[in-house]
């Protein structure tokens, strides 16, 4: 599927600084989720070990 001339006129160029800020935001969210999952996994392992005698 190729873009016609009409389709390319609607494309807005994103400045490099804006692109970098978007990437930074995505990375921050990924790290936030990663840390939360790690804490939950560690917490589950600690709870499981407490249940078993």
C-alpha atoms as a PDB file:
ATOM      1  CA  UNK A   1       0.000   0.000   0.000  1.00  0.00           C
ATOM      2  CA  UNK A   2       1.599   3.257  -1.079  1.00  0.00           C
ATOM      3  CA  UNK A   3       0.827   6.801  -0.027  1.00  0.00           C
ATOM      4  CA  UNK A   4      -0.517   9.132  -2.652  1.00  0.00           C
ATOM      5  CA  UNK A   5       0.465  12.802  -2.900  1.00  0.00           C
ATOM      6  CA  UNK A   6      -2.684  13.776  -1.011  1.00  0.00           C
ATOM      7  CA  UNK A   7      -1.820  11.521   1.918  1.00  0.00           C
ATOM      8  CA  UNK A   8       1.699  12.893   2.323  1.00  0.00           C
ATOM      9  CA  UNK A   9       0.521  16.504   2.563  1.00  0.00           C
ATOM     10  CA  UNK A  10      -1.340  15.694   5.796  1.00  0.00           C
ATOM     11  CA  UNK A  11       1.753  14.291   7.524  1.00  0.00           C
ATOM     12  CA  UNK A  12       3.066  16.668  10.176  1.00  0.00           C
ATOM     13  CA  UNK A  13       6.772  16.549  10.947  1.00  0.00           C
ATOM     14  CA  UNK A  14       7.517  16.108  14.640  1.00  0.00           C
ATOM     15  CA  UNK A  15      10.527  18.083  15.873  1.00  0.00           C
ATOM     16  CA  UNK A  16      13.347  15.939  17.289  1.00  0.00           C
ATOM     17  CA  UNK A  17      12.873  17.404  20.762  1.00  0.00           C
ATOM     18  CA  UNK A  18       9.189  16.452  20.820  1.00  0.00           C
ATOM     19  CA  UNK A  19       9.997  12.956  19.578  1.00  0.00           C
ATOM     20  CA  UNK A  20      12.603  12.584  22.321  1.00  0.00           C
ATOM     21  CA  UNK A  21      10.133  13.742  24.984  1.00  0.00           C
ATOM     22  CA  UNK A  22       7.555  11.213  23.751  1.00  0.00           C
ATOM     23  CA  UNK A  23      10.124   8.421  23.831  1.00  0.00           C
ATOM     24  CA  UNK A  24      11.160   9.477  27.331  1.00  0.00           C
ATOM     25  CA  UNK A  25       7.529   9.350  28.478  1.00  0.00           C
ATOM     26  CA  UNK A  26       7.098   5.864  27.065  1.00  0.00           C
ATOM     27  CA  UNK A  27      10.278   4.655  28.768  1.00  0.00           C
ATOM     28  CA  UNK A  28       9.185   6.145  32.103  1.00  0.00           C
ATOM     29  CA  UNK A  29       5.851   4.302  31.880  1.00  0.00           C
ATOM     30  CA  UNK A  30       7.545   1.027  30.941  1.00  0.00           C
ATOM     31  CA  UNK A  31       9.941   1.308  33.895  1.00  0.00           C
ATOM     32  CA  UNK A  32       7.064   2.146  36.234  1.00  0.00           C
ATOM     33  CA  UNK A  33       5.163  -0.965  35.146  1.00  0.00           C
ATOM     34  CA  UNK A  34       8.314  -3.086  35.316  1.00  0.00           C
ATOM     35  CA  UNK A  35       9.077  -1.991  38.881  1.00  0.00           C
ATOM     36  CA  UNK A  36       5.498  -2.638  39.977  1.00  0.00           C
ATOM     37  CA  UNK A  37       5.507  -6.129  38.489  1.00  0.00           C
ATOM     38  CA  UNK A  38       8.860  -6.916  40.119  1.00  0.00           C
ATOM     39  CA  UNK A  39       7.524  -5.802  43.512  1.00  0.00           C
ATOM     40  CA  UNK A  40       4.419  -7.949  43.048  1.00  0.00           C
ATOM     41  CA  UNK A  41       6.464 -11.006  42.065  1.00  0.00           C
ATOM     42  CA  UNK A  42       8.795 -10.569  45.022  1.00  0.00           C
ATOM     43  CA  UNK A  43       5.829 -10.062  47.322  1.00  0.00           C
ATOM     44  CA  UNK A  44       4.119 -13.202  46.052  1.00  0.00           C
ATOM     45  CA  UNK A  45       7.254 -15.259  46.606  1.00  0.00           C
ATOM     46  CA  UNK A  46       7.587 -13.959  50.171  1.00  0.00           C
ATOM     47  CA  UNK A  47       3.923 -14.707  50.902  1.00  0.00           C
ATOM     48  CA  UNK A  48       4.206 -18.211  49.468  1.00  0.00           C
ATOM     49  CA  UNK A  49       7.229 -18.971  51.615  1.00  0.00           C
ATOM     50  CA  UNK A  50       5.369 -17.797  54.747  1.00  0.00           C
ATOM     51  CA  UNK A  51       2.438 -20.103  54.044  1.00  0.00           C
ATOM     52  CA  UNK A  52       4.558 -23.230  53.726  1.00  0.00           C
ATOM     53  CA  UNK A  53       5.932 -24.652  57.016  1.00  0.00           C
END
